[in-house]
Amino acid sequence: MSETRVLLDPTSEQKPAQRERVDRPDSLEGLTIGLLDISKNRGDVFLDRVASHLVDRGLTVKRYRKPTFTRPAPVALQQQISTECDVVVEGLAD
């Protein structure tokens, strides 16, 4: 049975954007994993642990950081991540 989920953007959207869900890879082997720190306190601590576990498994990890958590990532950063990485983990904290 298919389940429908609605995800809302926490920014000031007037109408929810319709986006198709991207299929997850079967494995992380051979992929480049991007870790995006959104600049909230201690988000880097979480991502340090995630990076450590991934690197211990022999996976390739690239780190990125938004200038501020109050705004979306700059377009240039989004483009850089999308061209350099196959999957992304975004670290939230508080």
C-alpha atoms as a PDB file:
ATOM      1  CA  MET A   1       0.000   0.000   0.000  1.00  0.00           C
ATOM      2  CA  SER A   2       1.350   3.433  -0.952  1.00  0.00           C
ATOM      3  CA  GLU A   3       1.420   6.094   1.732  1.00  0.00           C
ATOM      4  CA  THR A   4       1.190   9.817   0.920  1.00  0.00           C
ATOM      5  CA  ARG A   5       3.286  12.190   2.984  1.00  0.00           C
ATOM      6  CA  VAL A   6       3.174  15.974   2.975  1.00  0.00           C
ATOM      7  CA  LEU A   7       6.394  17.813   3.823  1.00  0.00           C
ATOM      8  CA  LEU A   8       6.139  21.527   4.493  1.00  0.00           C
ATOM      9  CA  ASP A   9       8.951  24.011   3.989  1.00  0.00           C
ATOM     10  CA  PRO A  10       9.468  25.915   7.280  1.00  0.00           C
ATOM     11  CA  THR A  11      10.180  29.128   5.380  1.00  0.00           C
ATOM     12  CA  SER A  12       7.334  31.485   4.557  1.00  0.00           C
ATOM     13  CA  GLU A  13       5.891  29.445   1.723  1.00  0.00           C
ATOM     14  CA  GLN A  14       2.462  30.497   0.512  1.00  0.00           C
ATOM     15  CA  LYS A  15       1.702  27.194  -1.168  1.00  0.00           C
ATOM     16  CA  PRO A  16       3.524  23.898  -0.520  1.00  0.00           C
ATOM     17  CA  ALA A  17       5.897  23.017  -3.361  1.00  0.00           C
ATOM     18  CA  GLN A  18       5.212  19.738  -5.122  1.00  0.00           C
ATOM     19  CA  ARG A  19       8.382  17.646  -5.329  1.00  0.00           C
ATOM     20  CA  GLU A  20       8.906  14.046  -6.289  1.00  0.00           C
ATOM     21  CA  ARG A  21      10.757  12.004  -3.722  1.00  0.00           C
ATOM     22  CA  VAL A  22      14.194  10.921  -4.946  1.00  0.00           C
ATOM     23  CA  ASP A  23      14.944   7.210  -4.741  1.00  0.00           C
ATOM     24  CA  ARG A  24      17.561   6.273  -2.153  1.00  0.00           C
ATOM     25  CA  PRO A  25      20.613   4.364  -3.351  1.00  0.00           C
ATOM     26  CA  ASP A  26      20.782   0.659  -2.512  1.00  0.00           C
ATOM     27  CA  SER A  27      24.274   1.170  -1.069  1.00  0.00           C
ATOM     28  CA  LEU A  28      26.644   4.009  -0.206  1.00  0.00           C
ATOM     29  CA  GLU A  29      29.632   2.092  -1.588  1.00  0.00           C
ATOM     30  CA  GLY A  30      31.434   4.118  -4.245  1.00  0.00           C
ATOM     31  CA  LEU A  31      29.336   7.232  -3.615  1.00  0.00           C
ATOM     32  CA  THR A  32      30.463  10.616  -2.311  1.00  0.00           C
ATOM     33  CA  ILE A  33      28.523  11.658   0.783  1.00  0.00           C
ATOM     34  CA  GLY A  34      28.103  15.359   1.511  1.00  0.00           C
ATOM     35  CA  LEU A  35      27.609  16.511   5.094  1.00  0.00           C
ATOM     36  CA  LEU A  36      25.965  19.930   5.348  1.00  0.00           C
ATOM     37  CA  ASP A  37      26.275  21.841   8.614  1.00  0.00           C
ATOM     38  CA  ILE A  38      23.512  24.455   8.740  1.00  0.00           C
ATOM     39  CA  SER A  39      25.479  26.514  11.322  1.00  0.00           C
ATOM     40  CA  LYS A  40      23.349  25.778  14.370  1.00  0.00           C
ATOM     41  CA  ASN A  41      25.092  25.171  17.682  1.00  0.00           C
ATOM     42  CA  ARG A  42      26.594  21.691  17.986  1.00  0.00           C
ATOM     43  CA  GLY A  43      25.495  20.590  14.524  1.00  0.00           C
ATOM     44  CA  ASP A  44      29.185  20.165  13.741  1.00  0.00           C
ATOM     45  CA  VAL A  45      29.523  17.782  16.703  1.00  0.00           C
ATOM     46  CA  PHE A  46      26.807  15.538  15.253  1.00  0.00           C
ATOM     47  CA  LEU A  47      28.323  15.666  11.765  1.00  0.00           C
ATOM     48  CA  ASP A  48      31.816  14.935  13.138  1.00  0.00           C
ATOM     49  CA  ARG A  49      30.461  11.652  14.520  1.00  0.00           C
ATOM     50  CA  VAL A  50      28.612  10.834  11.304  1.00  0.00           C
ATOM     51  CA  ALA A  51      31.763  11.570   9.264  1.00  0.00           C
ATOM     52  CA  SER A  52      33.852   9.384  11.545  1.00  0.00           C
ATOM     53  CA  HIS A  53      31.508   6.409  11.104  1.00  0.00           C
ATOM     54  CA  LEU A  54      31.346   6.851   7.334  1.00  0.00           C
ATOM     55  CA  VAL A  55      35.109   7.237   6.912  1.00  0.00           C
ATOM     56  CA  ASP A  56      35.661   4.154   9.121  1.00  0.00           C
ATOM     57  CA  ARG A  57      33.556   2.242   6.565  1.00  0.00           C
ATOM     58  CA  GLY A  58      35.884   3.451   3.795  1.00  0.00           C
ATOM     59  CA  LEU A  59      33.385   5.910   2.325  1.00  0.00           C
ATOM     60  CA  THR A  60      34.199   9.280   0.752  1.00  0.00           C
ATOM     61  CA  VAL A  61      32.909  12.275   2.729  1.00  0.00           C
ATOM     62  CA  LYS A  62      32.889  15.980   1.870  1.00  0.00           C
ATOM     63  CA  ARG A  63      31.955  18.651   4.423  1.00  0.00           C
ATOM     64  CA  TYR A  64      30.039  21.887   3.792  1.00  0.00           C
ATOM     65  CA  ARG A  65      28.707  24.672   5.997  1.00  0.00           C
ATOM     66  CA  LYS A  66      25.982  27.239   5.411  1.00  0.00           C
ATOM     67  CA  PRO A  67      26.902  30.803   6.412  1.00  0.00           C
ATOM     68  CA  THR A  68      23.831  31.020   8.663  1.00  0.00           C
ATOM     69  CA  PHE A  69      20.951  28.776   9.712  1.00  0.00           C
ATOM     70  CA  THR A  70      18.447  31.590   9.224  1.00  0.00           C
ATOM     71  CA  ARG A  71      18.531  31.444   5.427  1.00  0.00           C
ATOM     72  CA  PRO A  72      18.620  28.747   2.753  1.00  0.00           C
ATOM     73  CA  ALA A  73      22.052  27.713   1.524  1.00  0.00           C
ATOM     74  CA  PRO A  74      23.407  30.092  -1.112  1.00  0.00           C
ATOM     75  CA  VAL A  75      22.760  28.927  -4.665  1.00  0.00           C
ATOM     76  CA  ALA A  76      26.498  28.567  -5.328  1.00  0.00           C
ATOM     77  CA  LEU A  77      26.827  26.218  -2.328  1.00  0.00           C
ATOM     78  CA  GLN A  78      23.795  24.205  -3.431  1.00  0.00           C
ATOM     79  CA  GLN A  79      25.287  23.842  -6.904  1.00  0.00           C
ATOM     80  CA  GLN A  80      28.688  22.854  -5.515  1.00  0.00           C
ATOM     81  CA  ILE A  81      27.151  20.150  -3.321  1.00  0.00           C
ATOM     82  CA  SER A  82      24.975  18.833  -6.159  1.00  0.00           C
ATOM     83  CA  THR A  83      27.955  18.485  -8.502  1.00  0.00           C
ATOM     84  CA  GLU A  84      30.371  17.009  -5.938  1.00  0.00           C
ATOM     85  CA  CYS A  85      28.109  14.605  -4.012  1.00  0.00           C
ATOM     86  CA  ASP A  86      25.807  11.696  -4.674  1.00  0.00           C
ATOM     87  CA  VAL A  87      23.907  11.910  -1.359  1.00  0.00           C
ATOM     88  CA  VAL A  88      23.698  14.547   1.399  1.00  0.00           C
ATOM     89  CA  VAL A  89      23.155  14.453   5.146  1.00  0.00           C
ATOM     90  CA  GLU A  90      22.033  17.754   6.629  1.00  0.00           C
ATOM     91  CA  GLY A  91      22.900  18.200  10.302  1.00  0.00           C
ATOM     92  CA  LEU A  92      20.330  19.951  12.480  1.00  0.00           C
ATOM     93  CA  ALA A  93      20.922  20.686  16.144  1.00  0.00           C
ATOM     94  CA  ASP A  94      19.817  22.657  19.195  1.00  0.00           C
END
